[in-house]
Protein backbone atom coordinates (compact mmCIF):
# COMPACT_ATOMS: atom_id res chain seq x y z
CA MET A 1 -13.74 19.67 -16.31
CA SER A 2 -14.44 20.34 -20.00
CA ALA A 3 -17.95 20.49 -21.42
CA ILE A 4 -17.32 17.16 -23.14
CA ALA A 5 -16.25 15.60 -19.84
CA ASP A 6 -19.43 16.93 -18.22
CA ASN A 7 -21.52 15.56 -21.07
CA LEU A 8 -19.87 12.16 -20.84
CA GLN A 9 -20.58 12.01 -17.13
CA ALA A 10 -24.24 12.88 -17.75
CA VAL A 11 -24.55 10.11 -20.36
CA ARG A 12 -22.91 7.58 -18.07
CA ILE A 13 -25.41 8.54 -15.35
CA ARG A 14 -28.28 8.00 -17.83
CA ILE A 15 -26.95 4.58 -18.78
CA ALA A 16 -26.46 3.50 -15.16
CA ALA A 17 -29.95 4.70 -14.25
CA ALA A 18 -31.48 2.75 -17.13
CA GLU A 19 -29.52 -0.37 -16.15
CA ARG A 20 -30.99 -0.14 -12.65
CA ARG A 21 -34.51 0.66 -13.83
CA TYR A 22 -34.72 -2.27 -16.24
CA GLY A 23 -32.90 -4.88 -14.20
CA ARG A 24 -29.69 -4.90 -16.22
CA PRO A 25 -26.40 -5.75 -14.45
CA PRO A 26 -24.31 -2.66 -13.62
CA GLY A 27 -21.79 -2.00 -16.36
CA SER A 28 -23.49 -4.33 -18.86
CA VAL A 29 -24.01 -1.55 -21.43
CA GLN A 30 -20.96 -0.19 -23.25
CA LEU A 31 -20.83 3.45 -24.34
CA LEU A 32 -19.62 4.15 -27.86
CA ALA A 33 -18.88 7.85 -28.40
CA VAL A 34 -19.85 8.75 -31.96
CA SER A 35 -17.39 11.38 -33.10
CA LYS A 36 -18.29 11.84 -36.79
CA THR A 37 -17.69 15.39 -38.08
CA LYS A 38 -15.99 16.31 -34.79
CA PRO A 39 -12.33 17.41 -34.59
CA LEU A 40 -9.58 15.34 -33.04
CA ALA A 41 -9.46 17.82 -30.14
CA ASP A 42 -12.93 16.71 -29.07
CA ILE A 43 -11.85 13.07 -29.14
CA LEU A 44 -8.80 13.90 -27.04
CA ALA A 45 -11.06 15.69 -24.53
CA ALA A 46 -13.32 12.64 -24.31
CA HIS A 47 -10.31 10.35 -23.92
CA ALA A 48 -9.02 12.54 -21.09
CA ALA A 49 -12.38 11.94 -19.41
CA GLY A 50 -11.93 8.17 -19.65
CA GLN A 51 -13.61 7.32 -22.97
CA THR A 52 -11.71 4.84 -25.15
CA ALA A 53 -14.27 3.55 -27.70
CA PHE A 54 -15.23 5.82 -30.60
CA GLY A 55 -17.49 5.40 -33.64
CA GLU A 56 -17.13 6.92 -37.09
CA ASN A 57 -19.52 6.93 -40.07
CA TYR A 58 -17.29 8.14 -42.91
CA VAL A 59 -14.35 6.07 -44.12
CA GLN A 60 -11.67 8.69 -44.84
CA GLU A 61 -12.51 10.85 -41.84
CA GLY A 62 -12.47 7.79 -39.61
CA VAL A 63 -9.18 6.46 -40.99
CA ASP A 64 -7.53 9.85 -40.49
CA LYS A 65 -8.62 9.89 -36.84
CA CYS A 66 -7.54 6.27 -36.30
CA GLN A 67 -4.07 7.08 -37.57
CA ALA A 68 -3.77 10.43 -35.76
CA SER A 69 -4.65 8.82 -32.41
CA ARG A 70 -2.70 5.58 -32.78
CA ASP A 71 -0.55 6.25 -29.72
CA LEU A 72 -3.64 6.45 -27.49
CA ARG A 73 -4.72 2.84 -28.19
CA LEU A 74 -8.33 3.79 -28.74
CA THR A 75 -10.86 1.24 -30.02
CA TRP A 76 -12.37 2.42 -33.30
CA HIS A 77 -15.77 1.23 -34.54
CA PHE A 78 -17.00 1.84 -38.08
CA ILE A 79 -20.77 2.35 -37.90
CA GLY A 80 -21.75 3.91 -41.25
CA PRO A 81 -22.81 2.45 -44.59
CA LEU A 82 -19.88 0.70 -46.25
CA GLN A 83 -19.41 0.35 -49.99
CA THR A 84 -17.36 -2.48 -51.44
CA ASN A 85 -14.76 -0.08 -52.85
CA LYS A 86 -14.09 1.35 -49.37
CA THR A 87 -13.58 -1.89 -47.43
CA ARG A 88 -9.77 -2.04 -47.45
CA PRO A 89 -9.02 1.04 -45.29
CA VAL A 90 -11.74 -0.07 -42.86
CA ALA A 91 -10.29 -3.59 -42.66
CA GLU A 92 -6.83 -2.15 -42.07
CA ASN A 93 -7.66 0.48 -39.43
CA PHE A 94 -10.81 -0.34 -37.46
CA ALA A 95 -11.40 -2.91 -34.70
CA TRP A 96 -15.16 -3.16 -35.24
CA VAL A 97 -17.68 -2.82 -38.08
CA HIS A 98 -21.36 -2.53 -37.07
CA SER A 99 -22.90 -2.01 -40.49
CA LEU A 100 -22.49 -5.26 -42.43
CA ASP A 101 -25.56 -5.77 -44.59
CA ARG A 102 -24.22 -7.75 -47.57
CA LEU A 103 -22.11 -10.87 -47.84
CA LYS A 104 -19.88 -9.29 -50.52
CA VAL A 105 -18.79 -6.56 -48.09
CA ALA A 106 -18.04 -9.16 -45.42
CA GLN A 107 -16.02 -11.25 -47.86
CA ARG A 108 -13.91 -8.26 -48.86
CA LEU A 109 -13.30 -7.28 -45.23
CA ALA A 110 -12.24 -10.84 -44.44
CA ALA A 111 -9.85 -10.97 -47.41
CA GLN A 112 -8.36 -7.53 -46.67
CA ARG A 113 -7.89 -7.82 -42.89
CA PRO A 114 -4.11 -7.70 -42.29
CA ALA A 115 -2.62 -10.92 -40.94
CA GLY A 116 -0.97 -9.14 -38.02
CA LEU A 117 -4.24 -7.81 -36.60
CA PRO A 118 -6.85 -9.63 -34.48
CA PRO A 119 -10.04 -10.71 -36.25
CA LEU A 120 -12.32 -7.81 -37.17
CA GLN A 121 -15.29 -7.74 -34.78
CA VAL A 122 -18.49 -7.34 -36.79
CA CYS A 123 -22.24 -6.87 -36.38
CA VAL A 124 -24.86 -7.43 -39.06
CA GLN A 125 -27.10 -4.39 -39.52
CA VAL A 126 -30.80 -5.24 -39.70
CA ASN A 127 -33.45 -2.85 -41.01
CA VAL A 128 -36.12 -3.88 -38.50
CA SER A 129 -38.48 -1.01 -39.38
CA GLY A 130 -38.30 -1.70 -43.12
CA ALA A 131 -37.87 2.00 -43.90
CA ALA A 132 -36.45 2.69 -47.34
CA SER A 133 -34.27 5.43 -45.81
CA LYS A 134 -32.50 3.00 -43.47
CA SER A 135 -29.64 0.64 -44.31
CA GLY A 136 -29.50 -2.98 -43.26
CA CYS A 137 -30.62 -6.39 -44.40
CA ALA A 138 -34.24 -7.45 -44.06
CA PRO A 139 -35.03 -9.42 -40.87
CA ALA A 140 -36.00 -12.43 -42.98
CA ALA A 141 -32.54 -12.43 -44.63
CA ALA A 142 -30.56 -12.02 -41.39
CA SER A 143 -30.16 -15.70 -40.51
CA GLU A 144 -28.65 -16.69 -43.85
CA LEU A 145 -26.33 -13.67 -43.85
CA CYS A 146 -25.20 -14.18 -40.24
CA HIS A 147 -24.36 -17.84 -40.76
CA ALA A 148 -22.38 -16.98 -43.90
CA VAL A 149 -20.48 -14.18 -42.14
CA ALA A 150 -19.72 -16.40 -39.14
CA ALA A 151 -17.99 -18.89 -41.46
CA LEU A 152 -15.54 -16.33 -42.90
CA PRO A 153 -11.90 -16.15 -41.73
CA ASN A 154 -10.49 -13.02 -40.08
CA LEU A 155 -13.93 -11.90 -38.89
CA CYS A 156 -15.66 -12.50 -35.56
CA LEU A 157 -19.44 -12.13 -35.75
CA ARG A 158 -20.51 -10.54 -32.47
CA GLY A 159 -24.15 -9.62 -32.95
CA LEU A 160 -26.67 -7.28 -34.55
CA MET A 161 -27.09 -3.53 -35.06
CA THR A 162 -30.09 -1.41 -36.00
CA ILE A 163 -31.05 2.23 -36.57
CA PRO A 164 -34.86 2.38 -36.34
CA GLU A 165 -37.12 5.17 -37.48
CA PRO A 166 -37.06 7.90 -34.79
CA SER A 167 -39.97 8.22 -32.40
CA ASN A 168 -40.65 10.37 -29.35
CA GLU A 169 -42.96 7.80 -27.76
CA PHE A 170 -41.28 5.34 -25.40
CA THR A 171 -43.40 2.29 -26.23
CA ALA A 172 -42.88 2.91 -29.95
CA GLN A 173 -39.14 3.29 -29.37
CA ARG A 174 -38.98 -0.09 -27.64
CA ARG A 175 -40.74 -2.02 -30.40
CA PRO A 176 -37.92 -2.23 -33.00
CA PHE A 177 -35.34 -2.88 -30.29
CA ARG A 178 -37.45 -5.79 -29.04
CA GLN A 179 -37.56 -7.15 -32.61
CA LEU A 180 -33.77 -7.04 -32.82
CA ARG A 181 -33.37 -8.74 -29.44
CA GLU A 182 -35.78 -11.50 -30.44
CA LEU A 183 -33.86 -11.98 -33.69
CA LEU A 184 -30.61 -12.28 -31.73
CA GLU A 185 -32.21 -14.88 -29.49
CA GLN A 186 -33.34 -16.81 -32.57
CA LEU A 187 -29.82 -16.77 -34.01
CA ARG A 188 -28.40 -18.01 -30.71
CA ALA A 189 -30.89 -20.87 -30.81
CA GLU A 190 -29.53 -21.67 -34.28
CA GLY A 191 -26.07 -22.09 -32.77
CA LEU A 192 -24.42 -18.71 -33.32
CA ALA A 193 -22.46 -17.43 -30.30
CA LEU A 194 -23.57 -13.79 -30.31
CA ASP A 195 -23.22 -11.32 -27.44
CA THR A 196 -23.76 -7.83 -28.89
CA LEU A 197 -26.86 -5.73 -29.51
CA SER A 198 -25.68 -2.38 -30.91
CA MET A 199 -28.76 -0.21 -30.60
CA GLY A 200 -29.83 3.06 -29.03
CA MET A 201 -28.70 6.65 -29.57
CA THR A 202 -29.03 9.96 -27.73
CA HIS A 203 -32.82 10.20 -28.00
CA ASP A 204 -33.73 6.57 -27.29
CA LEU A 205 -30.94 4.94 -25.26
CA GLU A 206 -33.28 4.15 -22.33
CA ALA A 207 -35.66 2.22 -24.60
CA ALA A 208 -32.73 0.31 -26.10
CA ILE A 209 -31.34 -0.61 -22.68
CA ALA A 210 -34.81 -1.74 -21.59
CA GLU A 211 -34.80 -4.19 -24.50
CA GLY A 212 -31.30 -5.57 -23.98
CA ALA A 213 -28.80 -3.25 -25.70
CA THR A 214 -25.20 -4.10 -24.84
CA LEU A 215 -23.77 -1.08 -26.68
CA VAL A 216 -25.30 2.37 -27.22
CA ARG A 217 -23.96 4.77 -29.85
CA ILE A 218 -24.06 8.32 -28.49
CA GLY A 219 -22.93 11.41 -30.39
CA THR A 220 -25.02 14.53 -29.87
CA ALA A 221 -25.33 14.18 -26.08
CA ILE A 222 -21.53 14.04 -25.80
CA PHE A 223 -20.19 16.29 -28.56
CA GLY A 224 -23.19 18.51 -29.38
CA GLU A 225 -24.92 18.96 -32.72
CA ARG A 226 -22.92 17.82 -35.73
CA ASN A 227 -21.47 20.17 -38.33
CA TYR A 228 -22.01 18.77 -41.81
CA ALA A 229 -20.65 21.81 -43.63
């Protein structure tokens, strides 16, 4: 086995253990392998080990990988900040967008999604910690934005995403994930059919699973430290 295959297996073991520990059904948490800055060879190694869902943060890098791996039928998720002038290639190449935080971006994605493709699966990103360094809409603005996004054609609103401020303390890690779960429950009570909580990364996936994550975004634990050179 390759090092990436070994790493993937270790992450899957962590996820399964957290599912058991916190009373989650087996297999209820999806693993998204975050491959930003990593070469296509690493993605091919992960695919050979059974991974089919990959996340990218940068538009051109992600589009290049989508197109280079088209024959593999991978599922590509865009998880980085998205500017309005970069929406078209994302609408044309990705299956998911996790980082919607403005209605204008959602409207452009809806208008630019090719007719021959299924609806673009989207999550609204919420800045639950309120940190100026983090993207996402304010929790108080999430309901209005989610209802507006849900009404757009060519998009399917699936749920919420967050990237909280990092913490090494488990109780502190759980707090923002609990806020996102409670917000999702509120939106469901308002009539939105949502099923996705995209939250948790390498350092805090157990806390996210404890609070109801359905998808964890893992990069470093699979592919190693990123090279931003």
